[in-house]
C-alpha atoms as a PDB file:
ATOM      1  CA  MET A   1      25.094 -26.292  -6.370  1.00  0.00           C
ATOM      2  CA  SER A   2      24.753 -30.017  -6.814  1.00  0.00           C
ATOM      3  CA  THR A   3      26.429 -33.340  -7.250  1.00  0.00           C
ATOM      4  CA  SER A   4      25.249 -35.752  -9.914  1.00  0.00           C
ATOM      5  CA  GLY A   5      23.009 -37.583  -7.391  1.00  0.00           C
ATOM      6  CA  ASP A   6      21.171 -34.358  -6.517  1.00  0.00           C
ATOM      7  CA  GLU A   7      20.444 -33.234 -10.070  1.00  0.00           C
ATOM      8  CA  ALA A   8      17.204 -35.213 -10.496  1.00  0.00           C
ATOM      9  CA  PHE A   9      15.888 -33.888  -7.171  1.00  0.00           C
ATOM     10  CA  ILE A  10      16.808 -30.311  -8.081  1.00  0.00           C
ATOM     11  CA  ALA A  11      15.176 -30.696 -11.504  1.00  0.00           C
ATOM     12  CA  ALA A  12      12.034 -32.015  -9.791  1.00  0.00           C
ATOM     13  CA  VAL A  13      11.681 -29.054  -7.387  1.00  0.00           C
ATOM     14  CA  LYS A  14      12.708 -26.337  -9.863  1.00  0.00           C
ATOM     15  CA  PRO A  15       9.191 -25.850 -11.339  1.00  0.00           C
ATOM     16  CA  LEU A  16       7.808 -25.287  -7.842  1.00  0.00           C
ATOM     17  CA  VAL A  17      10.558 -22.814  -6.952  1.00  0.00           C
ATOM     18  CA  ASP A  18      10.013 -20.984 -10.255  1.00  0.00           C
ATOM     19  CA  ALA A  19       6.239 -20.882  -9.745  1.00  0.00           C
ATOM     20  CA  MET A  20       6.598 -19.142  -6.414  1.00  0.00           C
ATOM     21  CA  GLY A  21       9.289 -16.761  -7.651  1.00  0.00           C
ATOM     22  CA  GLY A  22      12.049 -18.262  -5.527  1.00  0.00           C
ATOM     23  CA  GLU A  23      15.715 -18.612  -6.349  1.00  0.00           C
ATOM     24  CA  MET A  24      17.783 -21.776  -6.059  1.00  0.00           C
ATOM     25  CA  ILE A  25      21.225 -21.296  -4.516  1.00  0.00           C
ATOM     26  CA  PRO A  26      23.995 -23.578  -3.242  1.00  0.00           C
ATOM     27  CA  PRO A  27      23.198 -24.817   0.289  1.00  0.00           C
ATOM     28  CA  ASP A  28      26.456 -23.412   1.673  1.00  0.00           C
ATOM     29  CA  GLU A  29      25.330 -19.915   0.609  1.00  0.00           C
ATOM     30  CA  ALA A  30      21.996 -20.163   2.445  1.00  0.00           C
ATOM     31  CA  GLY A  31      21.099 -17.419   4.862  1.00  0.00           C
ATOM     32  CA  ALA A  32      18.904 -17.606   7.937  1.00  0.00           C
ATOM     33  CA  ASP A  33      15.716 -16.969   5.929  1.00  0.00           C
ATOM     34  CA  ASP A  34      16.507 -19.450   3.154  1.00  0.00           C
ATOM     35  CA  VAL A  35      15.105 -22.982   3.077  1.00  0.00           C
ATOM     36  CA  VAL A  36      17.665 -25.777   2.659  1.00  0.00           C
ATOM     37  CA  LEU A  37      16.325 -28.889   0.947  1.00  0.00           C
ATOM     38  CA  ALA A  38      18.024 -32.200   1.648  1.00  0.00           C
ATOM     39  CA  TRP A  39      17.916 -35.299  -0.516  1.00  0.00           C
ATOM     40  CA  GLU A  40      18.989 -38.689   0.826  1.00  0.00           C
ATOM     41  CA  GLY A  41      20.418 -37.049   3.947  1.00  0.00           C
ATOM     42  CA  VAL A  42      22.552 -34.498   2.104  1.00  0.00           C
ATOM     43  CA  ASP A  43      21.805 -30.797   1.609  1.00  0.00           C
ATOM     44  CA  ALA A  44      21.061 -30.576  -2.110  1.00  0.00           C
ATOM     45  CA  VAL A  45      19.929 -26.999  -2.703  1.00  0.00           C
ATOM     46  CA  ALA A  46      18.727 -23.940  -0.834  1.00  0.00           C
ATOM     47  CA  VAL A  47      15.723 -21.881  -1.845  1.00  0.00           C
ATOM     48  CA  ARG A  48      15.637 -18.148  -1.346  1.00  0.00           C
ATOM     49  CA  LEU A  49      12.007 -17.153  -1.047  1.00  0.00           C
ATOM     50  CA  PRO A  50      10.843 -13.876  -2.582  1.00  0.00           C
ATOM     51  CA  GLN A  51       9.462 -10.923  -0.646  1.00  0.00           C
ATOM     52  CA  LEU A  52       5.646 -10.839  -0.568  1.00  0.00           C
ATOM     53  CA  ALA A  53       5.422  -7.813  -2.868  1.00  0.00           C
ATOM     54  CA  ASP A  54       7.645  -9.554  -5.418  1.00  0.00           C
ATOM     55  CA  CYS A  55       5.415 -12.646  -5.174  1.00  0.00           C
ATOM     56  CA  LEU A  56       2.398 -10.632  -6.290  1.00  0.00           C
ATOM     57  CA  ASP A  57       4.256  -9.304  -9.334  1.00  0.00           C
ATOM     58  CA  HIS A  58       5.383 -12.850 -10.122  1.00  0.00           C
ATOM     59  CA  ILE A  59       1.830 -14.213  -9.784  1.00  0.00           C
ATOM     60  CA  LEU A  60       0.463 -11.469 -12.046  1.00  0.00           C
ATOM     61  CA  ALA A  61       3.131 -12.170 -14.678  1.00  0.00           C
ATOM     62  CA  ALA A  62       2.357 -15.904 -14.548  1.00  0.00           C
ATOM     63  CA  MET A  63      -1.378 -15.233 -14.948  1.00  0.00           C
ATOM     64  CA  GLU A  64      -0.633 -13.018 -17.926  1.00  0.00           C
ATOM     65  CA  ARG A  65       1.437 -15.773 -19.526  1.00  0.00           C
ATOM     66  CA  ARG A  66      -1.339 -18.298 -18.852  1.00  0.00           C
ATOM     67  CA  LYS A  67      -3.966 -16.024 -20.416  1.00  0.00           C
ATOM     68  CA  GLY A  68      -1.681 -15.296 -23.375  1.00  0.00           C
ATOM     69  CA  ARG A  69      -2.194 -11.535 -23.272  1.00  0.00           C
ATOM     70  CA  PRO A  70      -1.983  -8.555 -20.935  1.00  0.00           C
ATOM     71  CA  LEU A  71      -4.470  -8.778 -18.074  1.00  0.00           C
ATOM     72  CA  ALA A  72      -5.699  -5.293 -18.936  1.00  0.00           C
ATOM     73  CA  ASP A  73      -6.944  -6.691 -22.283  1.00  0.00           C
ATOM     74  CA  LEU A  74      -9.260  -9.241 -20.641  1.00  0.00           C
ATOM     75  CA  ASP A  75     -13.012  -8.747 -20.596  1.00  0.00           C
ATOM     76  CA  ARG A  76     -14.834  -7.895 -17.351  1.00  0.00           C
ATOM     77  CA  LYS A  77     -15.778 -11.498 -16.537  1.00  0.00           C
ATOM     78  CA  ALA A  78     -12.183 -12.691 -16.992  1.00  0.00           C
ATOM     79  CA  LYS A  79     -10.908  -9.820 -14.818  1.00  0.00           C
ATOM     80  CA  GLN A  80     -13.376 -10.816 -12.101  1.00  0.00           C
ATOM     81  CA  GLU A  81     -12.042 -14.375 -12.295  1.00  0.00           C
ATOM     82  CA  VAL A  82      -8.475 -13.076 -11.934  1.00  0.00           C
ATOM     83  CA  VAL A  83      -9.495 -11.071  -8.853  1.00  0.00           C
ATOM     84  CA  ARG A  84     -11.200 -14.151  -7.375  1.00  0.00           C
ATOM     85  CA  ILE A  85      -8.046 -16.244  -7.889  1.00  0.00           C
ATOM     86  CA  LEU A  86      -5.816 -13.530  -6.474  1.00  0.00           C
ATOM     87  CA  GLU A  87      -8.031 -13.105  -3.429  1.00  0.00           C
ATOM     88  CA  ALA A  88      -7.837 -16.854  -2.760  1.00  0.00           C
ATOM     89  CA  ARG A  89      -4.042 -16.617  -2.956  1.00  0.00           C
ATOM     90  CA  GLY A  90      -3.913 -13.735  -0.470  1.00  0.00           C
ATOM     91  CA  ALA A  91      -2.921 -11.019  -2.943  1.00  0.00           C
ATOM     92  CA  PHE A  92      -4.942  -8.372  -1.173  1.00  0.00           C
ATOM     93  CA  SER A  93      -3.250  -8.910   2.170  1.00  0.00           C
ATOM     94  CA  VAL A  94      -0.019  -7.555   0.665  1.00  0.00           C
ATOM     95  CA  ARG A  95       0.553  -3.849   1.168  1.00  0.00           C
ATOM     96  CA  HIS A  96      -0.614  -2.010  -1.968  1.00  0.00           C
ATOM     97  CA  GLY A  97      -2.024  -5.279  -3.321  1.00  0.00           C
ATOM     98  CA  VAL A  98      -5.269  -3.673  -4.483  1.00  0.00           C
ATOM     99  CA  GLU A  99      -3.383  -0.896  -6.265  1.00  0.00           C
ATOM    100  CA  THR A 100      -0.956  -3.341  -7.882  1.00  0.00           C
ATOM    101  CA  VAL A 101      -3.756  -5.584  -9.156  1.00  0.00           C
ATOM    102  CA  ALA A 102      -5.851  -2.622 -10.315  1.00  0.00           C
ATOM    103  CA  SER A 103      -2.910  -1.322 -12.330  1.00  0.00           C
ATOM    104  CA  ALA A 104      -2.258  -4.746 -13.898  1.00  0.00           C
ATOM    105  CA  LEU A 105      -5.940  -5.116 -14.847  1.00  0.00           C
ATOM    106  CA  GLY A 106      -6.236  -1.540 -16.102  1.00  0.00           C
ATOM    107  CA  VAL A 107      -9.081  -0.734 -13.703  1.00  0.00           C
ATOM    108  CA  SER A 108      -9.532   1.476 -10.652  1.00  0.00           C
ATOM    109  CA  ARG A 109      -9.149   0.421  -7.031  1.00  0.00           C
ATOM    110  CA  PHE A 110     -12.886   1.029  -6.699  1.00  0.00           C
ATOM    111  CA  THR A 111     -13.510  -1.574  -9.426  1.00  0.00           C
ATOM    112  CA  ILE A 112     -11.357  -4.127  -7.583  1.00  0.00           C
ATOM    113  CA  TYR A 113     -13.346  -3.523  -4.387  1.00  0.00           C
ATOM    114  CA  ASN A 114     -16.574  -3.927  -6.365  1.00  0.00           C
ATOM    115  CA  TYR A 115     -15.358  -7.270  -7.752  1.00  0.00           C
ATOM    116  CA  LEU A 116     -14.412  -8.397  -4.233  1.00  0.00           C
ATOM    117  CA  ASN A 117     -17.751  -7.308  -2.767  1.00  0.00           C
ATOM    118  CA  ARG A 118     -19.682  -9.106  -5.523  1.00  0.00           C
ATOM    119  CA  GLU A 119     -17.952 -12.331  -4.554  1.00  0.00           C
ATOM    120  CA  LYS A 120     -18.923 -11.917  -0.903  1.00  0.00           C
ATOM    121  CA  GLU A 121     -22.557 -11.214  -1.791  1.00  0.00           C
ATOM    122  CA  ALA A 122     -22.822 -14.226  -4.132  1.00  0.00           C
END
């Protein structure tokens, strides 16, 4: 995937690729939908971006790690904060996004809509 000159660049972009749920692959294996990153004029690595639905699962897992416990175990205020963050990141534009988030938070779809409506009224 890399030559010794590319390794620092690849190490620098890896946290970003991991955060968005992407996969780093050799540039010569890149497909039409992959993003090839060049460093100093040479293709260093390609990034295979995840499907939107997979992104939501990845974001939920990252939030759970950040909170240090399952999202369903959070109190109401913390769950509302999670919904606010997810809305800002576009989670509810993904097909079945409300259902996926409701399941992760251990609440109903109706509760998610209530949290979203509270934000719009505030």
